[in-house]
Amino acid sequence: MSSLYFVAGTDTGVGKTSASLALLAAGRQLGLDTAAVKPVASGCRSTPRGWRNEDALALQAVMTRRLDYDTVNPVALPRPLSPHLAAAAAGRTLQVRQLLADCHRALTPAPDLGLVEGAGGWRVPISPAETLADLARALACPVVLVVGLRLGCISHALLTAEAIEADGLQLAGWVGNHCDADAPCQRGVLATLHQRLGAPCLGILPHLAPGPLRHWAAQLARHLDIGLLLRRH
C-alpha cells in the first residue's frame, strides 16, 4: 500500500502543518512508514546549517522516515511572503519541474503515507507563470483540504474545492482546524461544510496549547479518522 496526498489550505495560516502533523502521527500509531515534504517554505530563520522553517522542521520530527532537512524542504526562503515574491527577494527562480523532482526524490521509495504540504492557498504563485496548484496537478495525487474555521471559511472552502475539481484532481477529504481558541466555530458553519464540500471530513482539530511536538501531534491525531483515507486504497 502506498498513499500520497497533497495537503492544501483555504488560505495561509489555516493549519496545514497542524493537519499534516496529525496525519503523520496517526500513521505512526498504525505502524505505517510515513514521510512528508514541504517543497517551498517562505519565512525561515538563519541557522549555522542554513535557512530553516519551523513547519518543515516539525514535519521532519514527526514523520517516521529519517530524511535530512534539505530533502524535506528543498527551497527555504527567508522572507515571509508569497513564494514568488520571497523567491524574487532571494534572487531565485522557482519552477514546477524542479519542485516535482524534489518531491519524487524525497518520497522515493514510496512510503505507506506520503504528504506534500503546500504553501498559502491553492492558487498561490511560485513564479510569473506557475502556481503551487500546477505542482499538485503534476503530482496527480488526491488532495486533503485544510479549512481554517474562522469567519469567511465557507466561501474559501467551497471556492478551493471547486478549483481543485476544475484542475482535474480529487478532493480526498477535508480537515477543519480551530485556528483561534477565542473564536470557536459555530455549529452551523460545520454543518454547511459537511453538507456542501462533497468529500468526507477526516476530523475537526481543536486548538491545543503548545507542548512536546510528538505528543502534541499525537493528541491532534486522536481527532482524525485516517482510515477514511487508507480505505481508498
Protein backbone atom coordinates (compact mmCIF):
# COMPACT_ATOMS: atom_id res chain seq x y z
CA MET A 1 0.00 0.00 0.00
CA SER A 2 1.24 3.47 -0.84
CA SER A 3 -0.78 6.65 -0.36
CA LEU A 4 0.33 10.12 -1.47
CA TYR A 5 -1.68 13.27 -0.76
CA PHE A 6 -1.22 16.95 -1.45
CA VAL A 7 -2.16 18.97 1.64
CA ALA A 8 -3.70 22.27 0.59
CA GLY A 9 -5.23 25.10 2.59
CA THR A 10 -8.05 27.54 2.06
CA ASP A 11 -5.59 30.35 2.88
CA THR A 12 -2.34 30.97 4.66
CA GLY A 13 -2.24 30.33 8.42
CA VAL A 14 -5.17 27.91 8.42
CA GLY A 15 -3.32 24.93 9.93
CA LYS A 16 -1.92 22.93 7.02
CA THR A 17 1.05 21.88 9.11
CA SER A 18 -1.12 21.01 12.12
CA ALA A 19 -3.23 18.76 9.91
CA SER A 20 -0.15 17.24 8.28
CA LEU A 21 1.40 16.51 11.68
CA ALA A 22 -1.83 14.93 12.87
CA LEU A 23 -1.96 12.71 9.76
CA LEU A 24 1.68 11.70 10.22
CA ALA A 25 1.11 10.94 13.90
CA ALA A 26 -1.97 8.88 13.08
CA GLY A 27 0.07 6.93 10.55
CA ARG A 28 2.82 6.35 13.10
CA GLN A 29 0.26 4.97 15.55
CA LEU A 30 -0.77 2.43 12.92
CA GLY A 31 2.83 1.40 12.32
CA LEU A 32 2.99 2.99 8.86
CA ASP A 33 6.10 4.26 7.13
CA THR A 34 5.39 7.99 6.81
CA ALA A 35 7.18 10.83 5.04
CA ALA A 36 6.40 14.42 4.15
CA VAL A 37 7.92 17.15 2.05
CA LYS A 38 7.34 20.89 2.07
CA PRO A 39 8.83 21.80 -1.29
CA VAL A 40 8.67 25.56 -0.72
CA ALA A 41 8.73 27.35 2.62
CA SER A 42 8.91 31.12 2.99
CA GLY A 43 9.59 32.75 6.30
CA CYS A 44 12.73 30.98 7.50
CA ARG A 45 15.33 31.73 10.16
CA SER A 46 19.07 31.71 9.68
CA THR A 47 20.97 28.92 11.43
CA PRO A 48 24.58 27.68 11.23
CA ARG A 49 23.28 24.94 8.90
CA GLY A 50 21.34 27.28 6.63
CA TRP A 51 17.81 28.65 6.44
CA ARG A 52 15.26 26.68 8.44
CA ASN A 53 11.44 26.79 8.51
CA GLU A 54 9.60 25.80 11.69
CA ASP A 55 6.83 23.94 9.85
CA ALA A 56 9.31 21.88 7.84
CA LEU A 57 11.30 21.09 10.99
CA ALA A 58 8.08 19.88 12.63
CA LEU A 59 7.29 17.59 9.70
CA GLN A 60 10.84 16.22 9.82
CA ALA A 61 10.48 15.46 13.52
CA VAL A 62 7.10 13.69 13.37
CA MET A 63 7.43 11.56 10.23
CA THR A 64 8.82 8.06 10.74
CA ARG A 65 11.21 8.16 7.78
CA ARG A 66 14.57 9.77 8.53
CA LEU A 67 15.19 12.46 5.93
CA ASP A 68 17.66 15.33 6.07
CA TYR A 69 16.28 18.85 6.20
CA ASP A 70 17.19 19.81 2.63
CA THR A 71 15.22 16.80 1.38
CA VAL A 72 12.15 17.71 3.44
CA ASN A 73 12.34 21.40 2.47
CA PRO A 74 14.45 21.86 -0.67
CA VAL A 75 13.50 25.54 -1.11
CA ALA A 76 13.79 27.58 2.10
CA LEU A 77 13.18 31.29 1.52
CA PRO A 78 13.96 33.91 4.18
CA ARG A 79 11.16 36.44 3.64
CA PRO A 80 7.63 35.62 4.95
CA LEU A 81 5.97 36.38 1.61
CA SER A 82 4.10 34.60 -1.15
CA PRO A 83 6.56 32.11 -2.69
CA HIS A 84 7.00 34.06 -5.94
CA LEU A 85 7.78 37.26 -4.04
CA ALA A 86 10.00 35.51 -1.48
CA ALA A 87 11.90 33.79 -4.29
CA ALA A 88 12.37 37.07 -6.17
CA ALA A 89 13.64 38.73 -3.00
CA ALA A 90 16.17 35.91 -2.62
CA GLY A 91 17.24 36.14 -6.27
CA ARG A 92 15.82 32.72 -7.08
CA THR A 93 13.51 31.37 -9.77
CA LEU A 94 11.09 28.57 -8.92
CA GLN A 95 9.82 26.03 -11.43
CA VAL A 96 7.26 23.25 -11.03
CA ARG A 97 9.56 20.89 -12.91
CA GLN A 98 12.27 21.21 -10.26
CA LEU A 99 9.84 21.06 -7.34
CA LEU A 100 8.32 17.91 -8.81
CA ALA A 101 11.76 16.30 -9.00
CA ASP A 102 12.39 17.35 -5.38
CA CYS A 103 9.14 15.69 -4.27
CA HIS A 104 9.90 12.47 -6.13
CA ARG A 105 13.38 12.35 -4.62
CA ALA A 106 12.02 12.86 -1.08
CA LEU A 107 9.27 10.27 -1.47
CA THR A 108 11.23 7.50 -3.22
CA PRO A 109 10.82 4.71 -2.34
CA ALA A 110 7.14 5.42 -1.78
CA PRO A 111 6.12 5.50 1.90
CA ASP A 112 2.90 3.96 3.19
CA LEU A 113 1.67 7.51 3.77
CA GLY A 114 3.28 10.42 1.96
CA LEU A 115 2.34 14.08 2.20
CA VAL A 116 3.29 17.07 0.09
CA GLU A 117 2.40 20.21 2.02
CA GLY A 118 1.61 23.31 0.04
CA ALA A 119 2.09 26.96 0.97
CA GLY A 120 -0.64 29.55 1.25
CA GLY A 121 -3.82 28.92 -0.69
CA TRP A 122 -4.50 26.80 -3.76
CA ARG A 123 -3.56 29.40 -6.39
CA VAL A 124 -0.53 30.89 -4.66
CA PRO A 125 2.03 31.82 -7.35
CA ILE A 126 5.55 30.44 -7.36
CA SER A 127 6.60 32.40 -10.47
CA PRO A 128 5.02 34.75 -13.03
CA ALA A 129 3.70 31.73 -14.92
CA GLU A 130 3.11 28.92 -12.39
CA THR A 131 1.33 28.28 -9.10
CA LEU A 132 1.56 25.55 -6.48
CA ALA A 133 -1.65 24.16 -7.94
CA ASP A 134 0.44 23.30 -11.00
CA LEU A 135 2.69 21.20 -8.77
CA ALA A 136 -0.35 19.38 -7.35
CA ARG A 137 -1.51 18.70 -10.91
CA ALA A 138 1.92 17.40 -11.88
CA LEU A 139 1.92 15.07 -8.89
CA ALA A 140 -1.57 13.88 -9.92
CA CYS A 141 -2.41 12.81 -6.38
CA PRO A 142 -5.57 13.33 -4.30
CA VAL A 143 -5.87 16.45 -2.18
CA VAL A 144 -6.58 16.88 1.52
CA LEU A 145 -8.04 20.34 2.12
CA VAL A 146 -7.45 22.11 5.43
CA VAL A 147 -10.17 24.60 6.33
CA GLY A 148 -9.35 27.25 8.90
CA LEU A 149 -12.54 27.52 10.93
CA ARG A 150 -12.97 31.27 11.06
CA LEU A 151 -15.14 33.99 9.54
CA GLY A 152 -15.31 33.58 5.77
CA CYS A 153 -14.21 29.98 5.72
CA ILE A 154 -17.32 28.63 3.98
CA SER A 155 -16.76 30.60 0.79
CA HIS A 156 -13.00 29.99 0.88
CA ALA A 157 -13.53 26.25 1.31
CA LEU A 158 -16.14 25.92 -1.44
CA LEU A 159 -14.14 28.01 -3.91
CA THR A 160 -10.99 26.00 -3.20
CA ALA A 161 -12.84 22.71 -3.60
CA GLU A 162 -14.24 23.93 -6.93
CA ALA A 163 -10.74 24.90 -8.08
CA ILE A 164 -9.32 21.51 -7.10
CA GLU A 165 -12.03 19.77 -9.11
CA ALA A 166 -11.56 22.14 -12.05
CA ASP A 167 -7.87 21.21 -12.07
CA GLY A 168 -8.83 17.56 -12.50
CA LEU A 169 -7.85 16.41 -9.03
CA GLN A 170 -9.84 14.52 -6.43
CA LEU A 171 -10.67 16.06 -3.08
CA ALA A 172 -9.99 13.03 -0.88
CA GLY A 173 -11.18 14.68 2.31
CA TRP A 174 -11.07 17.82 4.39
CA VAL A 175 -9.90 18.73 7.88
CA GLY A 176 -11.35 21.57 9.91
CA ASN A 177 -8.92 23.41 12.15
CA HIS A 178 -9.80 25.70 15.04
CA CYS A 179 -7.25 28.42 14.39
CA ASP A 180 -8.15 30.59 17.35
CA ALA A 181 -9.12 29.41 20.82
CA ASP A 182 -11.02 32.68 21.38
CA ALA A 183 -13.19 32.29 18.27
CA PRO A 184 -14.96 28.91 18.38
CA CYS A 185 -16.60 27.81 15.15
CA GLN A 186 -20.39 27.90 15.05
CA ARG A 187 -22.19 24.60 14.56
CA GLY A 188 -23.96 25.95 11.52
CA VAL A 189 -20.63 26.60 9.80
CA LEU A 190 -19.54 23.00 10.29
CA ALA A 191 -22.93 21.70 9.18
CA THR A 192 -22.68 23.75 5.99
CA LEU A 193 -19.17 22.48 5.25
CA HIS A 194 -20.27 18.87 5.83
CA GLN A 195 -23.22 19.37 3.51
CA ARG A 196 -21.56 21.25 0.67
CA LEU A 197 -17.95 20.13 0.36
CA GLY A 198 -18.80 16.77 -1.18
CA ALA A 199 -15.88 14.93 0.42
CA PRO A 200 -15.50 13.15 3.76
CA CYS A 201 -14.50 15.14 6.81
CA LEU A 202 -11.38 13.49 8.26
CA GLY A 203 -11.79 15.32 11.53
CA ILE A 204 -12.00 18.64 13.34
CA LEU A 205 -8.80 19.69 15.09
CA PRO A 206 -9.10 21.58 18.37
CA HIS A 207 -6.90 24.49 19.36
CA LEU A 208 -4.32 22.92 21.66
CA ALA A 209 -1.76 24.64 23.85
CA PRO A 210 1.82 24.07 22.65
CA GLY A 211 3.65 21.07 24.08
CA PRO A 212 6.28 18.49 23.19
CA LEU A 213 5.90 18.14 19.44
CA ARG A 214 5.28 14.41 19.03
CA HIS A 215 2.90 14.34 22.00
CA TRP A 216 1.07 17.41 20.65
CA ALA A 217 0.76 15.81 17.21
CA ALA A 218 -0.47 12.56 18.76
CA GLN A 219 -3.17 14.48 20.63
CA LEU A 220 -4.32 16.06 17.37
CA ALA A 221 -4.30 12.64 15.69
CA ARG A 222 -6.97 11.48 18.13
CA HIS A 223 -9.39 13.82 16.37
CA LEU A 224 -8.78 12.36 12.89
CA ASP A 225 -10.15 9.26 11.17
CA ILE A 226 -7.21 8.41 8.94
CA GLY A 227 -9.00 5.24 7.96
CA LEU A 228 -11.16 7.33 5.63
CA LEU A 229 -8.03 7.90 3.57
CA LEU A 230 -6.48 4.46 3.91
CA ARG A 231 -9.68 2.71 2.86
CA ARG A 232 -9.39 4.42 -0.51
CA HIS A 233 -6.54 2.05 -1.36
